[in-house]
Amino acid sequence: MFVLERRQGSKLAFTRTRNAYLQSRWSLIAGRIPGRTAVEIEKYWTSRYSTSE
């Protein structure tokens, strides 16, 4: 189960539980998106949803 925490505005962010869950699953996610590697998916996710705002 994922735990959500409120962030500024209407954005929501997953807590560290999400990172632990997804860390070993980038290749599974990339396997569902043709032409993408696990590294590309992880870079996109971390850049898009980083908490350093």
N, C-alpha and C. Protein backbone atom coordinates (compact mmCIF):
# COMPACT_ATOMS: atom_id res chain seq x y z
N MET A 1 0.84 -1.18 0.00
CA MET A 1 0.00 0.00 0.00
C MET A 1 0.88 1.24 0.00
N PHE A 2 0.47 2.26 -0.71
CA PHE A 2 1.21 3.51 -0.78
C PHE A 2 0.63 4.51 0.20
N VAL A 3 1.49 5.31 0.75
CA VAL A 3 1.07 6.38 1.65
C VAL A 3 1.34 7.69 0.94
N LEU A 4 0.35 8.56 0.89
CA LEU A 4 0.50 9.85 0.24
C LEU A 4 0.64 10.94 1.29
N GLU A 5 1.44 11.92 0.97
CA GLU A 5 1.54 13.08 1.86
C GLU A 5 1.23 14.32 1.05
N ARG A 6 0.63 15.29 1.65
CA ARG A 6 0.28 16.53 0.95
C ARG A 6 1.52 17.39 0.76
N ARG A 7 1.58 18.01 -0.38
CA ARG A 7 2.63 18.96 -0.68
C ARG A 7 1.98 20.30 -0.96
N GLN A 8 2.80 21.28 -1.21
CA GLN A 8 2.30 22.62 -1.49
C GLN A 8 1.34 22.58 -2.67
N GLY A 9 0.24 23.27 -2.56
CA GLY A 9 -0.76 23.29 -3.63
C GLY A 9 -1.54 22.00 -3.66
N SER A 10 -1.91 21.58 -4.85
CA SER A 10 -2.72 20.38 -4.97
C SER A 10 -1.90 19.14 -5.30
N LYS A 11 -0.58 19.28 -5.35
CA LYS A 11 0.26 18.15 -5.69
C LYS A 11 0.34 17.18 -4.52
N LEU A 12 0.44 15.91 -4.86
CA LEU A 12 0.63 14.87 -3.86
C LEU A 12 1.94 14.16 -4.16
N ALA A 13 2.59 13.70 -3.14
CA ALA A 13 3.85 12.98 -3.33
C ALA A 13 3.82 11.68 -2.55
N PHE A 14 4.36 10.65 -3.15
CA PHE A 14 4.49 9.39 -2.44
C PHE A 14 5.63 9.51 -1.44
N THR A 15 5.53 8.81 -0.35
CA THR A 15 6.60 8.81 0.64
C THR A 15 7.67 7.82 0.22
N ARG A 16 8.60 7.56 1.10
CA ARG A 16 9.70 6.66 0.79
C ARG A 16 9.23 5.24 0.50
N THR A 17 8.03 4.91 0.90
CA THR A 17 7.48 3.58 0.60
C THR A 17 7.45 3.37 -0.91
N ARG A 18 7.12 4.40 -1.64
CA ARG A 18 7.07 4.31 -3.10
C ARG A 18 8.44 3.98 -3.66
N ASN A 19 9.47 4.65 -3.16
CA ASN A 19 10.81 4.41 -3.66
C ASN A 19 11.26 2.97 -3.40
N ALA A 20 10.97 2.46 -2.23
CA ALA A 20 11.33 1.08 -1.91
C ALA A 20 10.59 0.10 -2.82
N TYR A 21 9.34 0.39 -3.10
CA TYR A 21 8.52 -0.48 -3.94
C TYR A 21 8.98 -0.45 -5.39
N LEU A 22 9.23 0.72 -5.91
CA LEU A 22 9.56 0.86 -7.34
C LEU A 22 11.02 0.64 -7.67
N GLN A 23 11.89 0.70 -6.71
CA GLN A 23 13.32 0.63 -6.97
C GLN A 23 13.70 -0.60 -7.79
N SER A 24 13.14 -1.74 -7.48
CA SER A 24 13.48 -2.95 -8.21
C SER A 24 12.54 -3.22 -9.38
N ARG A 25 11.64 -2.31 -9.67
CA ARG A 25 10.63 -2.56 -10.69
C ARG A 25 10.75 -1.68 -11.93
N TRP A 26 11.81 -0.91 -12.04
CA TRP A 26 11.95 -0.05 -13.21
C TRP A 26 11.98 -0.88 -14.49
N SER A 27 12.64 -2.02 -14.46
CA SER A 27 12.71 -2.84 -15.67
C SER A 27 11.35 -3.42 -16.05
N LEU A 28 10.53 -3.74 -15.06
CA LEU A 28 9.17 -4.22 -15.36
C LEU A 28 8.32 -3.13 -15.99
N ILE A 29 8.46 -1.92 -15.48
CA ILE A 29 7.72 -0.78 -16.04
C ILE A 29 8.21 -0.50 -17.46
N ALA A 30 9.53 -0.51 -17.65
CA ALA A 30 10.10 -0.24 -18.97
C ALA A 30 9.70 -1.32 -19.98
N GLY A 31 9.51 -2.54 -19.52
CA GLY A 31 9.08 -3.62 -20.41
C GLY A 31 7.70 -3.39 -21.00
N ARG A 32 6.91 -2.57 -20.36
CA ARG A 32 5.56 -2.27 -20.84
C ARG A 32 5.54 -1.06 -21.77
N ILE A 33 6.65 -0.34 -21.86
CA ILE A 33 6.72 0.86 -22.71
C ILE A 33 7.76 0.59 -23.80
N PRO A 34 7.33 0.35 -25.02
CA PRO A 34 8.26 0.01 -26.10
C PRO A 34 9.30 1.11 -26.33
N GLY A 35 10.55 0.69 -26.51
CA GLY A 35 11.62 1.62 -26.83
C GLY A 35 12.22 2.36 -25.65
N ARG A 36 11.83 2.00 -24.44
CA ARG A 36 12.36 2.68 -23.25
C ARG A 36 13.13 1.69 -22.38
N THR A 37 14.19 2.19 -21.77
CA THR A 37 14.97 1.36 -20.85
C THR A 37 14.59 1.69 -19.42
N ALA A 38 14.99 0.82 -18.51
CA ALA A 38 14.71 1.03 -17.09
C ALA A 38 15.35 2.33 -16.60
N VAL A 39 16.54 2.62 -17.09
CA VAL A 39 17.24 3.85 -16.68
C VAL A 39 16.49 5.09 -17.15
N GLU A 40 15.99 5.07 -18.38
CA GLU A 40 15.23 6.21 -18.89
C GLU A 40 13.95 6.44 -18.10
N ILE A 41 13.26 5.37 -17.75
CA ILE A 41 12.03 5.48 -16.96
C ILE A 41 12.33 6.05 -15.59
N GLU A 42 13.37 5.54 -14.94
CA GLU A 42 13.73 6.02 -13.60
C GLU A 42 14.14 7.50 -13.64
N LYS A 43 14.94 7.89 -14.64
CA LYS A 43 15.36 9.29 -14.76
C LYS A 43 14.15 10.21 -14.95
N TYR A 44 13.23 9.80 -15.81
CA TYR A 44 12.03 10.61 -16.03
C TYR A 44 11.23 10.75 -14.74
N TRP A 45 11.00 9.63 -14.08
CA TRP A 45 10.20 9.64 -12.85
C TRP A 45 10.83 10.53 -11.79
N THR A 46 12.14 10.36 -11.56
CA THR A 46 12.79 11.13 -10.50
C THR A 46 12.88 12.61 -10.85
N SER A 47 13.08 12.94 -12.13
CA SER A 47 13.15 14.36 -12.49
C SER A 47 11.77 15.01 -12.44
N ARG A 48 10.76 14.28 -12.82
CA ARG A 48 9.40 14.82 -12.85
C ARG A 48 8.79 14.96 -11.46
N TYR A 49 9.09 14.02 -10.60
CA TYR A 49 8.46 13.99 -9.29
C TYR A 49 9.44 14.20 -8.14
N SER A 50 10.55 14.89 -8.41
CA SER A 50 11.52 15.14 -7.34
C SER A 50 10.93 16.08 -6.30
N THR A 51 11.40 15.97 -5.09
CA THR A 51 10.87 16.79 -3.99
C THR A 51 11.74 18.01 -3.72
N SER A 52 12.64 18.33 -4.61
CA SER A 52 13.55 19.46 -4.40
C SER A 52 13.00 20.77 -4.97
N GLU A 53 11.73 21.00 -4.80
CA GLU A 53 11.11 22.23 -5.33
C GLU A 53 11.24 23.35 -4.35
